[in-house]
Amino acid sequence: MLSKTPISAETQEQALQIARATQKPGQTKEQTKLIAQGIEKGIAEYKKQQKAKARECDKLAKRLRATKASVTHEPMATEEMTYTTSRPWLPWILLLLSWLVFAASWLF
């Protein structure tokens, strides 16, 4: 179903040019006008479809950006937690080792 949307003068001119370019010998002006109107409707429908596709692409891109943003922030927080909780003994070993080195340098 075609909706009643106003067709721009530019679209009407394009349709008329196309209709004249494809005009057959012996074709009347009225027939050419009818062909131009059909072309106008086709151009309007095409533009409407392209706008709908562009809106869908924008929605998809927005969802992908939101998903990507949430995914990139989540693993960093869990990675940091895993790193700090998986090696709680490392700082203590380093502290003990530094005390031993300090004590050994004091005594010898």
N, C-alpha and C. Protein backbone atom coordinates (compact mmCIF):
# COMPACT_ATOMS: atom_id res chain seq x y z
N MET A 1 0.82 -1.18 0.00
CA MET A 1 0.00 0.00 0.00
C MET A 1 0.87 1.25 0.00
N LEU A 2 0.56 2.12 -0.86
CA LEU A 2 1.29 3.37 -0.93
C LEU A 2 0.54 4.41 -0.13
N SER A 3 1.28 5.12 0.70
CA SER A 3 0.66 6.19 1.47
C SER A 3 0.68 7.47 0.66
N LYS A 4 -0.21 8.36 0.99
CA LYS A 4 -0.31 9.64 0.28
C LYS A 4 0.68 10.62 0.88
N THR A 5 1.91 10.56 0.40
CA THR A 5 2.92 11.51 0.85
C THR A 5 3.20 12.48 -0.29
N PRO A 6 3.46 13.72 0.03
CA PRO A 6 3.74 14.68 -1.04
C PRO A 6 5.06 14.32 -1.73
N ILE A 7 5.03 14.38 -3.05
CA ILE A 7 6.21 14.05 -3.83
C ILE A 7 6.90 15.36 -4.19
N SER A 8 8.19 15.40 -3.96
CA SER A 8 8.94 16.64 -4.18
C SER A 8 9.02 16.98 -5.66
N ALA A 9 9.26 18.24 -5.94
CA ALA A 9 9.39 18.71 -7.32
C ALA A 9 10.59 18.06 -7.99
N GLU A 10 11.63 17.81 -7.22
CA GLU A 10 12.83 17.17 -7.76
C GLU A 10 12.50 15.74 -8.23
N THR A 11 11.74 15.02 -7.43
CA THR A 11 11.34 13.66 -7.79
C THR A 11 10.45 13.67 -9.02
N GLN A 12 9.53 14.64 -9.09
CA GLN A 12 8.65 14.75 -10.26
C GLN A 12 9.47 15.03 -11.53
N GLU A 13 10.46 15.89 -11.39
CA GLU A 13 11.31 16.22 -12.54
C GLU A 13 12.13 15.01 -12.98
N GLN A 14 12.67 14.27 -12.02
CA GLN A 14 13.43 13.06 -12.35
C GLN A 14 12.54 12.05 -13.06
N ALA A 15 11.33 11.87 -12.56
CA ALA A 15 10.41 10.91 -13.16
C ALA A 15 10.05 11.32 -14.57
N LEU A 16 9.81 12.60 -14.79
CA LEU A 16 9.47 13.09 -16.12
C LEU A 16 10.64 12.90 -17.09
N GLN A 17 11.85 13.15 -16.63
CA GLN A 17 13.04 12.96 -17.47
C GLN A 17 13.18 11.49 -17.87
N ILE A 18 12.97 10.60 -16.90
CA ILE A 18 13.08 9.17 -17.19
C ILE A 18 11.99 8.74 -18.17
N ALA A 19 10.77 9.24 -17.95
CA ALA A 19 9.66 8.89 -18.84
C ALA A 19 9.93 9.40 -20.26
N ARG A 20 10.46 10.58 -20.38
CA ARG A 20 10.76 11.13 -21.71
C ARG A 20 11.91 10.37 -22.38
N ALA A 21 12.88 9.96 -21.58
CA ALA A 21 14.03 9.23 -22.13
C ALA A 21 13.62 7.86 -22.66
N THR A 22 12.59 7.27 -22.07
CA THR A 22 12.16 5.94 -22.49
C THR A 22 10.91 6.00 -23.36
N GLN A 23 10.58 7.17 -23.84
CA GLN A 23 9.36 7.37 -24.64
C GLN A 23 9.49 6.64 -25.97
N LYS A 24 8.42 5.93 -26.34
CA LYS A 24 8.38 5.18 -27.61
C LYS A 24 7.80 6.09 -28.70
N PRO A 25 8.15 5.83 -29.93
CA PRO A 25 7.57 6.62 -31.03
C PRO A 25 6.04 6.43 -31.08
N GLY A 26 5.32 7.50 -31.24
CA GLY A 26 3.86 7.45 -31.33
C GLY A 26 3.18 7.51 -29.96
N GLN A 27 3.96 7.63 -28.91
CA GLN A 27 3.39 7.69 -27.54
C GLN A 27 2.88 9.10 -27.30
N THR A 28 1.69 9.22 -26.74
CA THR A 28 1.11 10.53 -26.50
C THR A 28 1.67 11.15 -25.23
N LYS A 29 1.45 12.47 -25.11
CA LYS A 29 1.91 13.17 -23.90
C LYS A 29 1.19 12.64 -22.67
N GLU A 30 -0.07 12.30 -22.83
CA GLU A 30 -0.85 11.78 -21.70
C GLU A 30 -0.27 10.44 -21.22
N GLN A 31 0.12 9.60 -22.14
CA GLN A 31 0.72 8.32 -21.78
C GLN A 31 2.06 8.54 -21.08
N THR A 32 2.83 9.48 -21.57
CA THR A 32 4.12 9.80 -20.95
C THR A 32 3.90 10.33 -19.54
N LYS A 33 2.86 11.14 -19.36
CA LYS A 33 2.55 11.68 -18.04
C LYS A 33 2.18 10.56 -17.07
N LEU A 34 1.39 9.60 -17.53
CA LEU A 34 1.00 8.46 -16.69
C LEU A 34 2.22 7.62 -16.31
N ILE A 35 3.11 7.43 -17.27
CA ILE A 35 4.34 6.69 -16.97
C ILE A 35 5.17 7.44 -15.94
N ALA A 36 5.25 8.77 -16.10
CA ALA A 36 6.01 9.60 -15.14
C ALA A 36 5.41 9.49 -13.75
N GLN A 37 4.07 9.44 -13.65
CA GLN A 37 3.42 9.31 -12.33
C GLN A 37 3.77 7.96 -11.70
N GLY A 38 3.79 6.92 -12.50
CA GLY A 38 4.18 5.59 -12.00
C GLY A 38 5.62 5.59 -11.51
N ILE A 39 6.49 6.25 -12.26
CA ILE A 39 7.90 6.35 -11.86
C ILE A 39 8.02 7.14 -10.57
N GLU A 40 7.22 8.22 -10.44
CA GLU A 40 7.24 9.02 -9.19
C GLU A 40 6.88 8.15 -8.00
N LYS A 41 5.85 7.36 -8.16
CA LYS A 41 5.43 6.48 -7.06
C LYS A 41 6.52 5.47 -6.72
N GLY A 42 7.17 4.96 -7.76
CA GLY A 42 8.27 4.01 -7.53
C GLY A 42 9.43 4.66 -6.80
N ILE A 43 9.78 5.87 -7.20
CA ILE A 43 10.88 6.59 -6.54
C ILE A 43 10.52 6.89 -5.09
N ALA A 44 9.26 7.32 -4.85
CA ALA A 44 8.82 7.62 -3.48
C ALA A 44 8.86 6.35 -2.62
N GLU A 45 8.42 5.24 -3.17
CA GLU A 45 8.44 3.97 -2.43
C GLU A 45 9.88 3.55 -2.12
N TYR A 46 10.76 3.71 -3.11
CA TYR A 46 12.17 3.37 -2.91
C TYR A 46 12.78 4.21 -1.80
N LYS A 47 12.51 5.52 -1.82
CA LYS A 47 13.05 6.40 -0.78
C LYS A 47 12.52 6.01 0.59
N LYS A 48 11.24 5.64 0.64
CA LYS A 48 10.64 5.22 1.91
C LYS A 48 11.32 3.96 2.43
N GLN A 49 11.57 3.01 1.54
CA GLN A 49 12.25 1.77 1.94
C GLN A 49 13.67 2.05 2.41
N GLN A 50 14.36 2.95 1.71
CA GLN A 50 15.73 3.28 2.11
C GLN A 50 15.78 3.94 3.48
N LYS A 51 14.80 4.81 3.76
CA LYS A 51 14.74 5.44 5.08
C LYS A 51 14.49 4.40 6.16
N ALA A 52 13.60 3.44 5.87
CA ALA A 52 13.32 2.38 6.84
C ALA A 52 14.56 1.53 7.08
N LYS A 53 15.30 1.21 6.01
CA LYS A 53 16.54 0.43 6.16
C LYS A 53 17.57 1.21 6.98
N ALA A 54 17.68 2.50 6.71
CA ALA A 54 18.63 3.34 7.45
C ALA A 54 18.28 3.38 8.92
N ARG A 55 16.98 3.50 9.23
CA ARG A 55 16.56 3.50 10.64
C ARG A 55 16.91 2.18 11.31
N GLU A 56 16.66 1.06 10.62
CA GLU A 56 16.98 -0.25 11.18
C GLU A 56 18.48 -0.40 11.41
N CYS A 57 19.27 0.08 10.45
CA CYS A 57 20.74 0.02 10.60
C CYS A 57 21.20 0.86 11.78
N ASP A 58 20.60 2.04 11.94
CA ASP A 58 20.96 2.89 13.07
C ASP A 58 20.61 2.23 14.39
N LYS A 59 19.43 1.61 14.45
CA LYS A 59 19.02 0.91 15.68
C LYS A 59 19.98 -0.23 15.99
N LEU A 60 20.33 -1.00 14.96
CA LEU A 60 21.25 -2.12 15.15
C LEU A 60 22.62 -1.63 15.60
N ALA A 61 23.11 -0.57 14.98
CA ALA A 61 24.41 -0.02 15.36
C ALA A 61 24.39 0.49 16.80
N LYS A 62 23.29 1.11 17.19
CA LYS A 62 23.17 1.61 18.56
C LYS A 62 23.18 0.45 19.56
N ARG A 63 22.43 -0.63 19.21
CA ARG A 63 22.42 -1.80 20.10
C ARG A 63 23.80 -2.43 20.18
N LEU A 64 24.51 -2.50 19.05
CA LEU A 64 25.85 -3.09 19.06
C LEU A 64 26.82 -2.26 19.89
N ARG A 65 26.71 -0.92 19.77
CA ARG A 65 27.59 -0.05 20.58
C ARG A 65 27.30 -0.24 22.06
N ALA A 66 26.02 -0.34 22.41
CA ALA A 66 25.66 -0.52 23.82
C ALA A 66 26.15 -1.87 24.33
N THR A 67 25.99 -2.90 23.51
CA THR A 67 26.45 -4.23 23.91
C THR A 67 27.97 -4.25 24.04
N LYS A 68 28.64 -3.65 23.07
CA LYS A 68 30.10 -3.63 23.10
C LYS A 68 30.62 -2.87 24.32
N ALA A 69 29.97 -1.76 24.65
CA ALA A 69 30.38 -0.97 25.80
C ALA A 69 30.20 -1.76 27.09
N SER A 70 29.08 -2.47 27.22
CA SER A 70 28.85 -3.22 28.45
C SER A 70 29.78 -4.43 28.53
N VAL A 71 30.11 -5.03 27.39
CA VAL A 71 30.99 -6.20 27.39
C VAL A 71 32.42 -5.79 27.72
N THR A 72 32.88 -4.66 27.21
CA THR A 72 34.27 -4.25 27.44
C THR A 72 34.48 -3.82 28.89
N HIS A 73 33.48 -3.30 29.56
CA HIS A 73 33.65 -2.88 30.94
C HIS A 73 33.54 -4.05 31.90
N GLU A 74 32.74 -5.02 31.61
CA GLU A 74 32.52 -6.14 32.52
C GLU A 74 33.77 -7.00 32.72
N PRO A 75 34.44 -7.49 31.68
CA PRO A 75 35.57 -8.37 31.90
C PRO A 75 36.73 -7.72 32.64
N MET A 76 36.92 -6.42 32.47
CA MET A 76 38.02 -5.77 33.16
C MET A 76 37.82 -5.85 34.66
N ALA A 77 36.63 -5.62 35.15
CA ALA A 77 36.36 -5.67 36.58
C ALA A 77 36.53 -7.09 37.10
N THR A 78 36.04 -8.09 36.39
CA THR A 78 36.18 -9.46 36.86
C THR A 78 37.62 -9.92 36.75
N GLU A 79 38.34 -9.43 35.74
CA GLU A 79 39.74 -9.80 35.59
C GLU A 79 40.56 -9.26 36.75
N GLU A 80 40.31 -8.03 37.16
CA GLU A 80 41.03 -7.46 38.29
C GLU A 80 40.74 -8.21 39.57
N MET A 81 39.48 -8.57 39.77
CA MET A 81 39.12 -9.33 40.97
C MET A 81 39.81 -10.69 40.96
N THR A 82 39.83 -11.35 39.82
CA THR A 82 40.47 -12.65 39.71
C THR A 82 41.96 -12.53 40.00
N TYR A 83 42.59 -11.50 39.48
CA TYR A 83 44.02 -11.32 39.67
C TYR A 83 44.34 -11.08 41.14
N THR A 84 43.60 -10.23 41.82
CA THR A 84 43.91 -9.93 43.21
C THR A 84 43.53 -11.06 44.15
N THR A 85 42.48 -11.81 43.83
CA THR A 85 42.07 -12.89 44.72
C THR A 85 42.83 -14.19 44.45
N SER A 86 43.40 -14.35 43.26
CA SER A 86 44.10 -15.59 42.97
C SER A 86 45.52 -15.60 43.54
N ARG A 87 46.10 -14.44 43.87
CA ARG A 87 47.47 -14.39 44.40
C ARG A 87 47.56 -13.52 45.65
N PRO A 88 46.86 -13.85 46.70
CA PRO A 88 46.94 -13.03 47.91
C PRO A 88 48.26 -13.22 48.66
N TRP A 89 48.96 -14.27 48.38
CA TRP A 89 50.21 -14.58 49.11
C TRP A 89 51.42 -13.86 48.52
N LEU A 90 51.34 -13.38 47.28
CA LEU A 90 52.49 -12.75 46.63
C LEU A 90 53.03 -11.53 47.39
N PRO A 91 52.22 -10.60 47.84
CA PRO A 91 52.78 -9.45 48.58
C PRO A 91 53.46 -9.88 49.88
N TRP A 92 52.91 -10.88 50.53
CA TRP A 92 53.49 -11.34 51.80
C TRP A 92 54.87 -11.98 51.56
N ILE A 93 54.97 -12.74 50.49
CA ILE A 93 56.27 -13.37 50.18
C ILE A 93 57.31 -12.31 49.84
N LEU A 94 56.91 -11.32 49.08
CA LEU A 94 57.84 -10.24 48.73
C LEU A 94 58.27 -9.45 49.97
N LEU A 95 57.34 -9.21 50.90
CA LEU A 95 57.67 -8.49 52.13
C LEU A 95 58.65 -9.32 52.97
N LEU A 96 58.37 -10.60 53.12
CA LEU A 96 59.25 -11.47 53.89
C LEU A 96 60.63 -11.56 53.25
N LEU A 97 60.67 -11.65 51.94
CA LEU A 97 61.95 -11.72 51.23
C LEU A 97 62.75 -10.43 51.42
N SER A 98 62.09 -9.28 51.37
CA SER A 98 62.81 -8.02 51.57
C SER A 98 63.35 -7.91 52.99
N TRP A 99 62.59 -8.40 54.00
CA TRP A 99 63.09 -8.39 55.39
C TRP A 99 64.30 -9.29 55.54
N LEU A 100 64.26 -10.44 54.88
CA LEU A 100 65.40 -11.36 54.95
C LEU A 100 66.64 -10.73 54.31
N VAL A 101 66.48 -10.07 53.19
CA VAL A 101 67.61 -9.42 52.52
C VAL A 101 68.14 -8.30 53.41
N PHE A 102 67.26 -7.51 54.03
CA PHE A 102 67.68 -6.43 54.92
C PHE A 102 68.42 -7.00 56.15
N ALA A 103 67.87 -8.05 56.71
CA ALA A 103 68.52 -8.66 57.88
C ALA A 103 69.89 -9.24 57.51
N ALA A 104 69.97 -9.88 56.34
CA ALA A 104 71.24 -10.47 55.92
C ALA A 104 72.28 -9.37 55.66
N SER A 105 71.87 -8.25 55.08
CA SER A 105 72.82 -7.19 54.84
C SER A 105 73.23 -6.50 56.14
N TRP A 106 72.40 -6.50 57.17
CA TRP A 106 72.71 -5.92 58.46
C TRP A 106 73.72 -6.79 59.22
N LEU A 107 73.53 -8.10 59.11
CA LEU A 107 74.40 -9.03 59.84
C LEU A 107 75.72 -9.25 59.14
N PHE A 108 75.77 -9.23 57.86
CA PHE A 108 77.02 -9.59 57.16
C PHE A 108 77.65 -8.40 56.56
